[in-house]
Amino acid sequence: MSVPLTDRVIQLAYDPGISPKGGGLPGLAVLKNVVNSINMFGIIAVVGALAVSLGVWAWGHHTGGHQAEANGKKGAVVAAGAALGLGAANGIVAFFSGLGSQVH
């Protein structure tokens, strides 16, 4: 027996009714604490990387080491980008999660 095309399309468009909810599984508070700690560790590491990169940039500039100066600049830009990403991670995920929930 063949299933009509309209019935197959309706089956593809079925809404399972799933949405994210807190408190459904045990350990959610622990997981949030772990992720917050990882984010803080990353931010502290970025501060160190930025300090080292700025030091390499200054040392390369004052000694005439153009390669070291360029690497220090690259490191400073990468560290600044990482700081931006770590600081904005929660907002970025919330933004795209909100966008995704509007898709019907």
Protein backbone atom coordinates (compact mmCIF):
# COMPACT_ATOMS: atom_id res chain seq x y z
CA MET A 1 0.00 0.00 0.00
CA SER A 2 1.38 3.38 -1.03
CA VAL A 3 1.31 6.37 1.35
CA PRO A 4 0.13 9.61 -0.32
CA LEU A 5 2.67 12.43 -0.62
CA THR A 6 0.65 14.76 1.62
CA ASP A 7 0.72 12.21 4.45
CA ARG A 8 4.51 11.88 4.13
CA VAL A 9 4.95 15.68 4.28
CA ILE A 10 2.74 15.91 7.36
CA GLN A 11 4.86 13.23 9.02
CA LEU A 12 8.03 15.21 8.25
CA ALA A 13 6.57 18.38 9.76
CA TYR A 14 5.54 16.72 13.03
CA ASP A 15 6.39 18.83 16.09
CA PRO A 16 7.77 16.60 18.85
CA GLY A 17 7.09 19.33 21.46
CA ILE A 18 10.60 19.35 22.94
CA SER A 19 11.95 22.50 24.58
CA PRO A 20 14.84 23.06 27.01
CA LYS A 21 13.83 23.08 30.67
CA GLY A 22 15.96 23.31 33.78
CA GLY A 23 15.70 20.84 36.62
CA GLY A 24 14.90 17.77 34.56
CA LEU A 25 18.12 15.92 35.36
CA PRO A 26 20.12 15.73 38.56
CA GLY A 27 23.47 17.50 38.57
CA LEU A 28 22.47 20.53 36.53
CA ALA A 29 23.77 22.91 39.20
CA VAL A 30 27.09 21.03 39.30
CA LEU A 31 27.39 21.17 35.50
CA LYS A 32 26.74 24.92 35.51
CA ASN A 33 29.39 25.35 38.20
CA VAL A 34 31.92 23.32 36.17
CA VAL A 35 31.26 25.34 32.99
CA ASN A 36 31.53 28.62 34.92
CA SER A 37 34.84 27.47 36.35
CA ILE A 38 36.16 26.48 32.92
CA ASN A 39 35.15 29.91 31.57
CA MET A 40 36.94 31.65 34.46
CA PHE A 41 40.05 29.50 33.90
CA GLY A 42 39.99 30.47 30.22
CA ILE A 43 39.70 34.17 31.03
CA ILE A 44 42.63 33.96 33.46
CA ALA A 45 44.70 32.12 30.83
CA VAL A 46 43.86 34.83 28.27
CA VAL A 47 45.07 37.53 30.67
CA GLY A 48 48.40 35.71 30.93
CA ALA A 49 48.61 35.20 27.17
CA LEU A 50 47.89 38.87 26.57
CA ALA A 51 50.59 39.93 29.03
CA VAL A 52 53.17 37.64 27.39
CA SER A 53 52.16 38.76 23.89
CA LEU A 54 52.44 42.44 24.79
CA GLY A 55 55.84 41.76 26.36
CA VAL A 56 57.05 39.98 23.19
CA TRP A 57 55.69 42.83 21.08
CA ALA A 58 57.54 45.45 23.15
CA TRP A 59 60.75 43.39 23.28
CA GLY A 60 60.66 42.81 19.51
CA HIS A 61 60.05 46.50 18.87
CA HIS A 62 62.90 47.71 21.07
CA THR A 63 65.45 45.14 19.88
CA GLY A 64 64.59 45.46 16.19
CA GLY A 65 63.28 41.90 16.01
CA HIS A 66 60.56 42.33 13.43
CA GLN A 67 59.52 38.67 13.61
CA ALA A 68 59.08 38.84 17.39
CA GLU A 69 57.22 42.13 17.06
CA ALA A 70 54.82 40.65 14.49
CA ASN A 71 54.27 37.54 16.62
CA GLY A 72 53.57 39.70 19.66
CA LYS A 73 50.98 41.67 17.71
CA LYS A 74 49.33 38.47 16.47
CA GLY A 75 49.29 37.06 19.98
CA ALA A 76 47.71 40.22 21.37
CA VAL A 77 44.98 40.17 18.73
CA VAL A 78 44.29 36.46 19.29
CA ALA A 79 44.16 36.97 23.07
CA ALA A 80 41.77 39.90 22.66
CA GLY A 81 39.55 37.79 20.38
CA ALA A 82 39.59 34.92 22.85
CA ALA A 83 38.62 37.29 25.66
CA LEU A 84 35.76 38.59 23.53
CA GLY A 85 34.57 35.08 22.77
CA LEU A 86 34.79 33.90 26.38
CA GLY A 87 33.01 36.96 27.70
CA ALA A 88 30.29 36.83 25.08
CA ALA A 89 29.77 33.04 25.03
CA ASN A 90 26.64 33.09 27.17
CA GLY A 91 25.08 35.92 25.16
CA ILE A 92 25.96 34.32 21.82
CA VAL A 93 24.38 31.01 22.81
CA ALA A 94 21.31 32.77 24.22
CA PHE A 95 20.95 34.83 21.02
CA PHE A 96 21.12 31.86 18.66
CA SER A 97 18.97 29.72 20.96
CA GLY A 98 16.33 32.45 20.82
CA LEU A 99 16.61 32.58 17.05
CA GLY A 100 16.34 28.81 16.84
CA SER A 101 13.21 28.76 18.97
CA GLN A 102 11.51 31.09 16.46
CA VAL A 103 11.89 28.63 13.59
CA HIS A 104 8.60 26.88 12.84
